[in-house]
Structures are given as structure tokens and as C-alpha cells.
Amino acid sequence: MLPKLKLLPIDQYRGVNDLDPIKYYYWPVFGKMYRRRVELALGECTGGERILEVGFGTGLAFPNLHDIYREIHGIDLTVDIKAVESVFEPMGIPLFLEKGDVLKMPYEDGFFDTVLLISILEHLKPFELEQALAEVKRVLKPGGQMVYGTPVEKPFMVFMFSLLGHDIRHEHFSTEKEIATAAYKAFGKGHVIEMKSTPPIAGAVYTVGNFVKSSQRTRS
């Protein structure tokens, strides 16, 4: 059974600009699809000591992640970190947030049980995917997991984005197929699941990948 996304009242979120998609999570029809894609990704997270969310934005997933991880770390290029922290620290959710880029992350090797990227990798150019995934793999513990979510590149999705006032060609540079191919190349072991549209007339509109870093073996 998938976890239910623990949404706060919309006026409680802080620290992002008007381009952040937080408002879409509360809309009829659109909102259900936006919430479900996050819930699918959360359902793949196995818990542990530390999780890193890349591109955490408003911190939408933090209340759910707090249920299964001892420490929540986050990296984001644009948010007001103090503002985001002010939302969740009174709720007893300690955070370790930094500004930074997935292409060069300020963490030591083997630090995280899980790295979570929800609607992040499609914003990278195809040639950047290899570097980003190498960084993700580097900061994961042996046996740690990368969980990502990305929209499916198809006419329906382009149309949906246009209804929301976004030109997908100006924002998304890598397709779900390119991302999955790069993930399998980097990690080897993993799987990808699909989310259908609501109603399911357009087929898959979002994919969630779960890839595991190989455990290190000592030689005798």
C-alpha cells in the first residue's frame, strides 16, 4: 500500500518562488496526479539512517521521510533554506539543508542510505546525466538506493504542461528513456515502474526508478 502524501496547508510552505509547482498538488484532477507521483517515489524508499533529497523545493516530502529516516538532508540550487527550515523544525523534523548542484555535491563518499530525486533528472542535458548519476552513486552507501521520478515524454504530457503554462521544451532536456538507460548503465541493478494518467486513457505519464548500488566485497 502506497504512503499518503502528508500535505500541509498550502499557505504554510515557504522559501520558493512562484514557479514552484506546489499549488498544483491542491488542484482537482491535476492534484491527484501530482500527489500520486510523489507517493510512488516514497513507496520505493526503504528507510534507514540518512536520506538526501536533491531539489527538495518546499520540502513537500519531508514529513513522510521523517517517518522512515533518522536524518533528512537536502540540496537545492534556488530555495531560501532558512525559510524552508522554519516550516519543519517546529514540527520536530530536524533538517540538514544546503545550496548546491547534483553535478558536484558537497558530501563524503558512502554517506547516504537513499538519494531521492523527484522530477529533477529531466532538467539535465543528456550529457550531464552520467556525471549526475556518478555523483549520486558516490555518496550512497554500498547497498544504498537511488529513487527518482520523471515524467514520460509523449504528446499528452507536453499538452498537460502547456495547460499549466509551461513549454516542456524549455524545461526538460532528457527523456524518461534516456534517464532509465543512464541509470541502468551507472548502477546495473534496478527497476522502473510506471504511473498511468487519470483517467488512464493516455497510458503512462510518469516513471519511478529504484536503483541499488552494489555492495562492496572484501577480498580474502
Protein backbone atom coordinates (compact mmCIF):
# COMPACT_ATOMS: atom_id res chain seq x y z
CA MET A 1 0.00 0.00 0.00
CA LEU A 2 1.41 3.39 -1.00
CA PRO A 3 2.03 6.02 1.67
CA LYS A 4 -0.30 9.01 1.56
CA LEU A 5 1.48 12.30 0.98
CA LYS A 6 1.29 14.42 4.15
CA LEU A 7 0.39 17.79 2.68
CA LEU A 8 0.45 20.87 4.86
CA PRO A 9 -1.97 23.77 4.35
CA ILE A 10 -0.66 25.48 1.23
CA ASP A 11 -0.02 28.81 2.95
CA GLN A 12 2.48 27.17 5.34
CA TYR A 13 5.10 26.43 2.67
CA ARG A 14 7.97 28.91 2.44
CA GLY A 15 11.20 29.54 0.61
CA VAL A 16 10.40 29.06 -3.08
CA ASN A 17 9.46 31.37 -5.94
CA ASP A 18 6.20 31.50 -7.91
CA LEU A 19 7.48 28.92 -10.40
CA ASP A 20 7.39 26.15 -7.80
CA PRO A 21 4.62 23.61 -8.58
CA ILE A 22 3.31 23.37 -5.01
CA LYS A 23 -0.06 24.89 -5.98
CA TYR A 24 -0.73 22.07 -8.44
CA TYR A 25 -0.87 19.49 -5.63
CA TYR A 26 -4.13 21.03 -4.39
CA TRP A 27 -5.96 21.20 -7.73
CA PRO A 28 -8.72 18.72 -8.66
CA VAL A 29 -7.59 16.00 -11.12
CA PHE A 30 -4.15 17.55 -11.61
CA GLY A 31 -3.58 17.44 -7.87
CA LYS A 32 -4.25 13.72 -7.62
CA MET A 33 -1.69 13.01 -10.34
CA TYR A 34 0.91 15.28 -8.76
CA ARG A 35 0.42 13.67 -5.34
CA ARG A 36 0.49 10.14 -6.68
CA ARG A 37 3.82 10.56 -8.44
CA VAL A 38 5.43 11.59 -5.13
CA GLU A 39 3.66 8.76 -3.31
CA LEU A 40 5.02 6.25 -5.83
CA ALA A 41 8.55 7.50 -5.19
CA LEU A 42 8.05 7.48 -1.41
CA GLY A 43 6.76 3.92 -1.67
CA GLU A 44 10.11 2.86 -3.12
CA CYS A 45 12.14 4.38 -0.27
CA THR A 46 13.21 1.66 2.15
CA GLY A 47 14.21 3.78 5.14
CA GLY A 48 17.43 3.96 7.09
CA GLU A 49 19.74 6.42 8.82
CA ARG A 50 20.14 9.18 6.21
CA ILE A 51 18.34 10.29 3.08
CA LEU A 52 19.36 13.04 0.67
CA GLU A 53 16.67 14.74 -1.39
CA VAL A 54 18.06 16.52 -4.42
CA GLY A 55 15.94 19.53 -5.42
CA PHE A 56 13.77 19.44 -2.31
CA GLY A 57 11.94 22.71 -3.07
CA THR A 58 9.24 23.36 -0.47
CA GLY A 59 10.17 20.22 1.45
CA LEU A 60 6.93 18.57 0.37
CA ALA A 61 8.19 15.05 1.13
CA PHE A 62 9.88 15.85 4.45
CA PRO A 63 7.02 14.80 6.79
CA ASN A 64 6.80 11.39 5.10
CA LEU A 65 10.58 10.93 5.00
CA HIS A 66 10.79 11.78 8.71
CA ASP A 67 8.74 8.64 9.41
CA ILE A 68 11.41 6.29 7.99
CA TYR A 69 14.77 8.11 8.16
CA ARG A 70 16.67 9.43 11.16
CA GLU A 71 18.23 12.33 9.25
CA ILE A 72 16.89 14.27 6.26
CA HIS A 73 19.49 16.03 4.14
CA GLY A 74 18.67 18.18 1.14
CA ILE A 75 20.42 20.07 -1.63
CA ASP A 76 18.79 22.66 -3.88
CA LEU A 77 20.01 25.40 -6.19
CA THR A 78 17.41 28.11 -5.61
CA VAL A 79 15.45 27.87 -2.35
CA ASP A 80 15.66 30.03 0.76
CA ILE A 81 16.97 27.40 3.16
CA LYS A 82 16.17 29.29 6.37
CA ALA A 83 12.59 29.79 5.22
CA VAL A 84 12.13 26.09 4.47
CA GLU A 85 13.67 25.10 7.80
CA SER A 86 11.30 27.47 9.61
CA VAL A 87 8.34 25.41 8.37
CA PHE A 88 9.51 21.99 9.51
CA GLU A 89 11.73 22.46 12.56
CA PRO A 90 8.76 23.48 14.77
CA MET A 91 7.22 20.14 13.72
CA GLY A 92 10.21 18.30 15.20
CA ILE A 93 11.75 17.47 11.83
CA PRO A 94 15.49 18.26 12.02
CA LEU A 95 16.95 19.11 8.63
CA PHE A 96 20.41 19.35 7.10
CA LEU A 97 19.95 21.54 4.03
CA GLU A 98 22.47 23.09 1.66
CA LYS A 99 22.52 25.03 -1.58
CA GLY A 100 24.28 23.10 -4.30
CA ASP A 101 24.25 21.14 -7.52
CA VAL A 102 23.74 17.43 -8.14
CA LEU A 103 26.67 17.56 -10.58
CA LYS A 104 29.10 18.27 -7.73
CA MET A 105 27.71 17.51 -4.29
CA PRO A 106 29.42 18.50 -1.01
CA TYR A 107 29.13 15.11 0.69
CA GLU A 108 31.61 12.41 1.54
CA ASP A 109 31.59 9.05 -0.17
CA GLY A 110 29.16 6.41 1.09
CA PHE A 111 27.16 8.76 3.33
CA PHE A 112 23.50 8.10 2.46
CA ASP A 113 21.13 5.15 2.54
CA THR A 114 18.89 6.76 -0.09
CA VAL A 115 19.14 9.57 -2.60
CA LEU A 116 15.75 10.84 -3.79
CA LEU A 117 15.25 12.92 -6.95
CA ILE A 118 11.63 13.77 -7.80
CA SER A 119 11.27 15.49 -11.19
CA ILE A 120 14.92 16.56 -11.26
CA LEU A 121 16.85 14.48 -13.79
CA GLU A 122 14.77 15.54 -16.80
CA HIS A 123 16.09 19.08 -16.31
CA LEU A 124 19.64 17.90 -17.06
CA LYS A 125 21.09 17.65 -20.55
CA PRO A 126 21.67 14.05 -21.67
CA PHE A 127 25.45 14.52 -21.46
CA GLU A 128 25.08 15.63 -17.82
CA LEU A 129 23.22 12.51 -16.70
CA GLU A 130 26.37 10.38 -16.46
CA GLN A 131 28.08 12.90 -14.18
CA ALA A 132 24.98 13.37 -12.01
CA LEU A 133 24.41 9.65 -11.54
CA ALA A 134 28.09 9.09 -10.79
CA GLU A 135 27.78 11.69 -8.01
CA VAL A 136 24.63 10.06 -6.66
CA LYS A 137 26.32 6.67 -6.67
CA ARG A 138 29.41 8.10 -4.97
CA VAL A 139 27.51 9.48 -1.97
CA LEU A 140 25.44 6.31 -1.49
CA LYS A 141 26.47 3.61 0.95
CA PRO A 142 27.17 0.17 -0.54
CA GLY A 143 23.71 -1.34 -0.93
CA GLY A 144 22.11 2.13 -0.86
CA GLN A 145 19.38 3.12 -3.26
CA MET A 146 18.67 5.92 -5.71
CA VAL A 147 14.96 6.64 -6.20
CA TYR A 148 13.97 9.02 -8.95
CA GLY A 149 10.77 10.15 -10.63
CA THR A 150 10.44 11.70 -14.07
CA PRO A 151 7.57 12.48 -16.47
CA VAL A 152 7.04 10.41 -19.60
CA GLU A 153 7.89 12.21 -22.82
CA LYS A 154 4.78 11.98 -25.00
CA PRO A 155 2.29 14.35 -26.67
CA PHE A 156 -0.19 14.04 -23.77
CA MET A 157 2.42 15.17 -21.26
CA VAL A 158 3.50 18.07 -23.46
CA PHE A 159 -0.16 19.09 -23.68
CA MET A 160 -0.64 18.80 -19.91
CA PHE A 161 2.35 21.03 -19.27
CA SER A 162 1.07 23.57 -21.80
CA LEU A 163 -2.22 23.78 -19.86
CA LEU A 164 -0.17 24.72 -16.81
CA GLY A 165 1.64 27.43 -18.76
CA HIS A 166 4.92 25.56 -19.28
CA ASP A 167 6.77 24.89 -22.53
CA ILE A 168 8.30 21.49 -21.81
CA ARG A 169 10.96 22.05 -24.45
CA HIS A 170 12.36 24.96 -22.44
CA GLU A 171 12.47 22.98 -19.18
CA HIS A 172 13.01 19.29 -19.90
CA PHE A 173 16.12 18.17 -21.75
CA SER A 174 16.34 14.43 -21.03
CA THR A 175 13.53 11.92 -21.63
CA GLU A 176 12.47 9.13 -19.27
CA LYS A 177 14.08 6.63 -21.65
CA GLU A 178 17.42 8.44 -21.61
CA ILE A 179 17.29 8.65 -17.82
CA ALA A 180 16.49 4.96 -17.38
CA THR A 181 19.25 3.99 -19.80
CA ALA A 182 21.77 6.13 -17.91
CA ALA A 183 20.61 4.70 -14.56
CA TYR A 184 20.99 1.10 -15.68
CA LYS A 185 24.43 1.93 -17.06
CA ALA A 186 25.53 3.56 -13.81
CA PHE A 187 24.01 1.09 -11.34
CA GLY A 188 23.27 -2.10 -13.25
CA LYS A 189 20.69 -3.30 -10.75
CA GLY A 190 17.27 -1.64 -10.54
CA HIS A 191 13.72 -1.38 -11.83
CA VAL A 192 11.36 1.24 -13.25
CA ILE A 193 7.61 1.43 -12.58
CA GLU A 194 5.01 3.43 -14.48
CA MET A 195 2.18 5.68 -13.34
CA LYS A 196 -0.90 5.83 -15.55
CA SER A 197 -2.82 9.00 -16.30
CA THR A 198 -6.08 9.86 -14.50
CA PRO A 199 -8.30 8.72 -16.18
CA PRO A 200 -5.93 6.10 -17.66
CA ILE A 201 -6.67 6.94 -21.28
CA ALA A 202 -3.20 8.26 -22.09
CA GLY A 203 -1.18 5.38 -20.66
CA ALA A 204 1.94 6.04 -18.61
CA VAL A 205 2.62 9.69 -17.74
CA TYR A 206 5.30 9.28 -15.06
CA THR A 207 8.00 6.77 -14.18
CA VAL A 208 9.75 6.00 -10.90
CA GLY A 209 13.11 4.26 -10.83
CA ASN A 210 14.72 2.42 -7.95
CA PHE A 211 18.41 1.55 -8.43
CA VAL A 212 20.77 -0.06 -5.93
CA LYS A 213 24.49 0.50 -5.50
CA SER A 214 26.40 -2.78 -5.41
CA SER A 215 27.67 -3.84 -2.02
CA GLN A 216 31.41 -3.76 -1.65
CA ARG A 217 33.11 -7.09 -1.23
CA THR A 218 36.34 -7.63 0.63
CA ARG A 219 38.92 -9.88 -0.98
CA SER A 220 40.43 -12.63 1.06
